[in-house]
Amino acid sequence: MKNKQLEAYNKAKQEQTRDGSSAYKDVFNKNNKGGKYVLDDLQAFCGADTSSANTENVNETFLRLGRREVWLRIQAFLSITENDIANAFKNKQ
């Protein structure tokens, strides 16, 4: 019984990951002007290419880390492949 439940849960999570990846790729499509503009803007705003540390202000560091976490999540969904999804859940069934 537990194996069937775990299998169903993993299948649902796999489908959710696949749907999420597809949605992120639709919204942040680099092949259209709007998608590229938004990604470029978020990259700068989230500090993707700069350090998150601010030795003068710990609150600023935490703010930057939060922004960076959003950027990394977007990038993870944009870069995930079908093989990545399949492999991530392959050993969990």
N, C-alpha and C. Protein backbone atom coordinates (compact mmCIF):
# COMPACT_ATOMS: atom_id res chain seq x y z
N MET A 1 0.83 -1.20 0.00
CA MET A 1 0.00 0.00 0.00
C MET A 1 0.87 1.26 0.00
N LYS A 2 1.90 1.28 0.83
CA LYS A 2 2.75 2.46 0.90
C LYS A 2 3.49 2.69 -0.40
N ASN A 3 3.90 1.62 -1.07
CA ASN A 3 4.59 1.77 -2.36
C ASN A 3 3.69 2.41 -3.40
N LYS A 4 2.43 2.04 -3.42
CA LYS A 4 1.47 2.62 -4.37
C LYS A 4 1.25 4.10 -4.07
N GLN A 5 1.17 4.43 -2.79
CA GLN A 5 0.99 5.83 -2.40
C GLN A 5 2.21 6.65 -2.78
N LEU A 6 3.39 6.12 -2.51
CA LEU A 6 4.62 6.81 -2.86
C LEU A 6 4.75 6.97 -4.37
N GLU A 7 4.37 5.95 -5.09
CA GLU A 7 4.42 6.00 -6.55
C GLU A 7 3.47 7.08 -7.07
N ALA A 8 2.28 7.15 -6.52
CA ALA A 8 1.30 8.16 -6.94
C ALA A 8 1.79 9.57 -6.60
N TYR A 9 2.37 9.70 -5.40
CA TYR A 9 2.90 11.00 -4.98
C TYR A 9 4.02 11.44 -5.92
N ASN A 10 4.96 10.55 -6.21
CA ASN A 10 6.09 10.88 -7.08
C ASN A 10 5.63 11.21 -8.49
N LYS A 11 4.63 10.50 -8.96
CA LYS A 11 4.10 10.78 -10.29
C LYS A 11 3.47 12.17 -10.33
N ALA A 12 2.74 12.52 -9.28
CA ALA A 12 2.12 13.84 -9.20
C ALA A 12 3.19 14.94 -9.14
N LYS A 13 4.23 14.72 -8.35
CA LYS A 13 5.31 15.71 -8.23
C LYS A 13 6.06 15.85 -9.56
N GLN A 14 6.24 14.74 -10.25
CA GLN A 14 6.91 14.77 -11.54
C GLN A 14 6.09 15.59 -12.54
N GLU A 15 4.80 15.37 -12.55
CA GLU A 15 3.92 16.11 -13.45
C GLU A 15 3.88 17.60 -13.07
N GLN A 16 3.89 17.87 -11.78
CA GLN A 16 3.90 19.26 -11.31
C GLN A 16 5.19 19.96 -11.75
N THR A 17 6.31 19.27 -11.65
CA THR A 17 7.59 19.83 -12.07
C THR A 17 7.59 20.07 -13.58
N ARG A 18 7.06 19.12 -14.33
CA ARG A 18 6.97 19.26 -15.78
C ARG A 18 6.09 20.46 -16.15
N ASP A 19 4.94 20.58 -15.50
CA ASP A 19 4.03 21.70 -15.77
C ASP A 19 4.68 23.03 -15.40
N GLY A 20 5.37 23.04 -14.26
CA GLY A 20 6.04 24.27 -13.82
C GLY A 20 7.11 24.70 -14.80
N SER A 21 7.90 23.76 -15.23
CA SER A 21 8.96 24.06 -16.20
C SER A 21 8.36 24.62 -17.49
N SER A 22 7.31 24.00 -17.95
CA SER A 22 6.66 24.46 -19.17
C SER A 22 6.10 25.87 -19.01
N ALA A 23 5.49 26.14 -17.87
CA ALA A 23 4.91 27.46 -17.62
C ALA A 23 6.00 28.53 -17.55
N TYR A 24 7.09 28.24 -16.84
CA TYR A 24 8.19 29.20 -16.75
C TYR A 24 8.78 29.47 -18.14
N LYS A 25 8.91 28.43 -18.94
CA LYS A 25 9.47 28.59 -20.28
C LYS A 25 8.54 29.40 -21.17
N ASP A 26 7.24 29.28 -20.97
CA ASP A 26 6.28 30.09 -21.73
C ASP A 26 6.37 31.57 -21.33
N VAL A 27 6.39 31.82 -20.03
CA VAL A 27 6.38 33.19 -19.52
C VAL A 27 7.70 33.91 -19.79
N PHE A 28 8.81 33.22 -19.56
CA PHE A 28 10.12 33.84 -19.68
C PHE A 28 10.82 33.43 -20.98
N ASN A 29 10.08 33.40 -22.07
CA ASN A 29 10.60 32.98 -23.36
C ASN A 29 11.58 34.03 -23.89
N LYS A 30 12.85 33.63 -24.02
CA LYS A 30 13.89 34.55 -24.51
C LYS A 30 13.75 34.84 -25.99
N ASN A 31 12.93 34.07 -26.67
CA ASN A 31 12.77 34.26 -28.11
C ASN A 31 11.80 35.37 -28.47
N ASN A 32 11.13 35.93 -27.47
CA ASN A 32 10.28 37.08 -27.78
C ASN A 32 10.80 38.29 -27.00
N LYS A 33 10.52 39.45 -27.51
CA LYS A 33 11.07 40.70 -26.97
C LYS A 33 10.68 40.90 -25.50
N GLY A 34 9.43 40.62 -25.17
CA GLY A 34 8.96 40.81 -23.80
C GLY A 34 9.63 39.87 -22.82
N GLY A 35 9.74 38.60 -23.19
CA GLY A 35 10.39 37.63 -22.31
C GLY A 35 11.84 37.98 -22.05
N LYS A 36 12.55 38.38 -23.11
CA LYS A 36 13.96 38.76 -22.96
C LYS A 36 14.09 40.00 -22.09
N TYR A 37 13.21 40.98 -22.30
CA TYR A 37 13.26 42.21 -21.51
C TYR A 37 13.06 41.91 -20.02
N VAL A 38 12.04 41.11 -19.72
CA VAL A 38 11.72 40.80 -18.32
C VAL A 38 12.87 40.01 -17.68
N LEU A 39 13.41 39.03 -18.38
CA LEU A 39 14.53 38.26 -17.84
C LEU A 39 15.74 39.15 -17.57
N ASP A 40 16.06 40.02 -18.51
CA ASP A 40 17.19 40.94 -18.33
C ASP A 40 16.96 41.86 -17.13
N ASP A 41 15.73 42.36 -17.00
CA ASP A 41 15.40 43.23 -15.88
C ASP A 41 15.49 42.49 -14.55
N LEU A 42 14.95 41.28 -14.49
CA LEU A 42 15.02 40.49 -13.26
C LEU A 42 16.45 40.09 -12.91
N GLN A 43 17.24 39.82 -13.92
CA GLN A 43 18.64 39.48 -13.69
C GLN A 43 19.35 40.63 -12.98
N ALA A 44 19.11 41.85 -13.44
CA ALA A 44 19.73 43.01 -12.80
C ALA A 44 19.12 43.26 -11.42
N PHE A 45 17.80 43.23 -11.32
CA PHE A 45 17.13 43.52 -10.06
C PHE A 45 17.47 42.51 -8.97
N CYS A 46 17.58 41.24 -9.36
CA CYS A 46 17.85 40.17 -8.39
C CYS A 46 19.33 40.04 -8.05
N GLY A 47 20.16 40.82 -8.71
CA GLY A 47 21.59 40.77 -8.42
C GLY A 47 22.21 39.45 -8.80
N ALA A 48 21.80 38.92 -9.94
CA ALA A 48 22.27 37.60 -10.37
C ALA A 48 23.77 37.56 -10.58
N ASP A 49 24.35 38.67 -10.95
CA ASP A 49 25.77 38.71 -11.28
C ASP A 49 26.61 39.46 -10.25
N THR A 50 26.04 39.71 -9.08
CA THR A 50 26.76 40.44 -8.05
C THR A 50 26.68 39.69 -6.72
N SER A 51 27.53 40.07 -5.81
CA SER A 51 27.53 39.46 -4.49
C SER A 51 26.29 39.89 -3.71
N SER A 52 25.79 38.98 -2.90
CA SER A 52 24.65 39.30 -2.05
C SER A 52 25.10 39.94 -0.74
N ALA A 53 26.35 39.81 -0.41
CA ALA A 53 26.85 40.27 0.88
C ALA A 53 26.96 41.78 0.94
N ASN A 54 26.54 42.32 2.08
CA ASN A 54 26.74 43.73 2.39
C ASN A 54 27.26 43.77 3.82
N THR A 55 28.53 44.01 3.99
CA THR A 55 29.15 43.96 5.31
C THR A 55 28.70 45.10 6.21
N GLU A 56 28.10 46.10 5.63
CA GLU A 56 27.63 47.25 6.42
C GLU A 56 26.21 47.07 6.95
N ASN A 57 25.43 46.20 6.29
CA ASN A 57 24.01 46.11 6.65
C ASN A 57 23.51 44.68 6.42
N VAL A 58 23.33 43.95 7.49
CA VAL A 58 22.90 42.55 7.39
C VAL A 58 21.50 42.43 6.78
N ASN A 59 20.63 43.40 7.05
CA ASN A 59 19.29 43.36 6.46
C ASN A 59 19.34 43.47 4.94
N GLU A 60 20.25 44.28 4.45
CA GLU A 60 20.44 44.40 3.00
C GLU A 60 20.93 43.08 2.42
N THR A 61 21.80 42.40 3.15
CA THR A 61 22.28 41.09 2.70
C THR A 61 21.12 40.11 2.57
N PHE A 62 20.25 40.08 3.56
CA PHE A 62 19.10 39.16 3.52
C PHE A 62 18.15 39.53 2.38
N LEU A 63 17.96 40.81 2.15
CA LEU A 63 17.11 41.25 1.04
C LEU A 63 17.70 40.77 -0.29
N ARG A 64 19.00 40.95 -0.46
CA ARG A 64 19.66 40.51 -1.69
C ARG A 64 19.61 38.99 -1.86
N LEU A 65 19.76 38.27 -0.77
CA LEU A 65 19.68 36.81 -0.84
C LEU A 65 18.30 36.35 -1.28
N GLY A 66 17.27 37.02 -0.79
CA GLY A 66 15.90 36.69 -1.20
C GLY A 66 15.69 36.93 -2.68
N ARG A 67 16.18 38.06 -3.16
CA ARG A 67 16.05 38.35 -4.59
C ARG A 67 16.81 37.31 -5.42
N ARG A 68 18.00 36.97 -4.97
CA ARG A 68 18.81 36.00 -5.69
C ARG A 68 18.13 34.62 -5.72
N GLU A 69 17.46 34.27 -4.63
CA GLU A 69 16.75 32.99 -4.57
C GLU A 69 15.65 32.93 -5.64
N VAL A 70 14.97 34.04 -5.85
CA VAL A 70 13.95 34.11 -6.89
C VAL A 70 14.58 33.90 -8.26
N TRP A 71 15.70 34.57 -8.51
CA TRP A 71 16.39 34.42 -9.79
C TRP A 71 16.82 32.97 -10.02
N LEU A 72 17.37 32.34 -8.99
CA LEU A 72 17.83 30.96 -9.13
C LEU A 72 16.67 30.00 -9.39
N ARG A 73 15.53 30.26 -8.79
CA ARG A 73 14.36 29.42 -9.04
C ARG A 73 13.91 29.53 -10.50
N ILE A 74 13.85 30.76 -10.99
CA ILE A 74 13.46 30.96 -12.39
C ILE A 74 14.44 30.23 -13.30
N GLN A 75 15.73 30.39 -13.05
CA GLN A 75 16.75 29.74 -13.88
C GLN A 75 16.66 28.21 -13.81
N ALA A 76 16.36 27.69 -12.64
CA ALA A 76 16.23 26.23 -12.50
C ALA A 76 15.09 25.70 -13.36
N PHE A 77 13.95 26.38 -13.34
CA PHE A 77 12.82 25.93 -14.14
C PHE A 77 13.08 26.11 -15.63
N LEU A 78 13.83 27.14 -16.00
CA LEU A 78 14.13 27.36 -17.41
C LEU A 78 15.13 26.35 -17.96
N SER A 79 15.99 25.86 -17.12
CA SER A 79 17.06 24.98 -17.61
C SER A 79 16.77 23.49 -17.45
N ILE A 80 15.73 23.14 -16.72
CA ILE A 80 15.44 21.73 -16.48
C ILE A 80 14.98 21.06 -17.78
N THR A 81 15.41 19.84 -17.96
CA THR A 81 15.02 19.08 -19.16
C THR A 81 14.13 17.91 -18.76
N GLU A 82 13.52 17.31 -19.74
CA GLU A 82 12.68 16.14 -19.48
C GLU A 82 13.49 15.02 -18.85
N ASN A 83 14.73 14.84 -19.29
CA ASN A 83 15.61 13.83 -18.70
C ASN A 83 15.91 14.14 -17.23
N ASP A 84 16.12 15.41 -16.92
CA ASP A 84 16.35 15.80 -15.53
C ASP A 84 15.16 15.41 -14.65
N ILE A 85 13.97 15.68 -15.15
CA ILE A 85 12.75 15.37 -14.40
C ILE A 85 12.63 13.86 -14.21
N ALA A 86 12.82 13.12 -15.28
CA ALA A 86 12.70 11.66 -15.20
C ALA A 86 13.73 11.08 -14.23
N ASN A 87 14.96 11.56 -14.32
CA ASN A 87 16.03 11.06 -13.44
C ASN A 87 15.82 11.44 -11.98
N ALA A 88 15.24 12.59 -11.75
CA ALA A 88 15.02 13.05 -10.38
C ALA A 88 14.04 12.14 -9.65
N PHE A 89 13.10 11.57 -10.38
CA PHE A 89 12.07 10.74 -9.76
C PHE A 89 12.30 9.25 -10.01
N LYS A 90 13.28 8.91 -10.79
CA LYS A 90 13.54 7.53 -11.16
C LYS A 90 13.82 6.65 -9.96
N ASN A 91 14.66 7.10 -9.06
CA ASN A 91 15.07 6.30 -7.90
C ASN A 91 14.14 6.45 -6.71
N LYS A 92 13.10 7.22 -6.85
CA LYS A 92 12.19 7.45 -5.73
C LYS A 92 10.95 6.58 -5.78
N GLN A 93 10.88 5.71 -6.77
CA GLN A 93 9.67 4.87 -6.88
C GLN A 93 9.92 3.50 -6.33
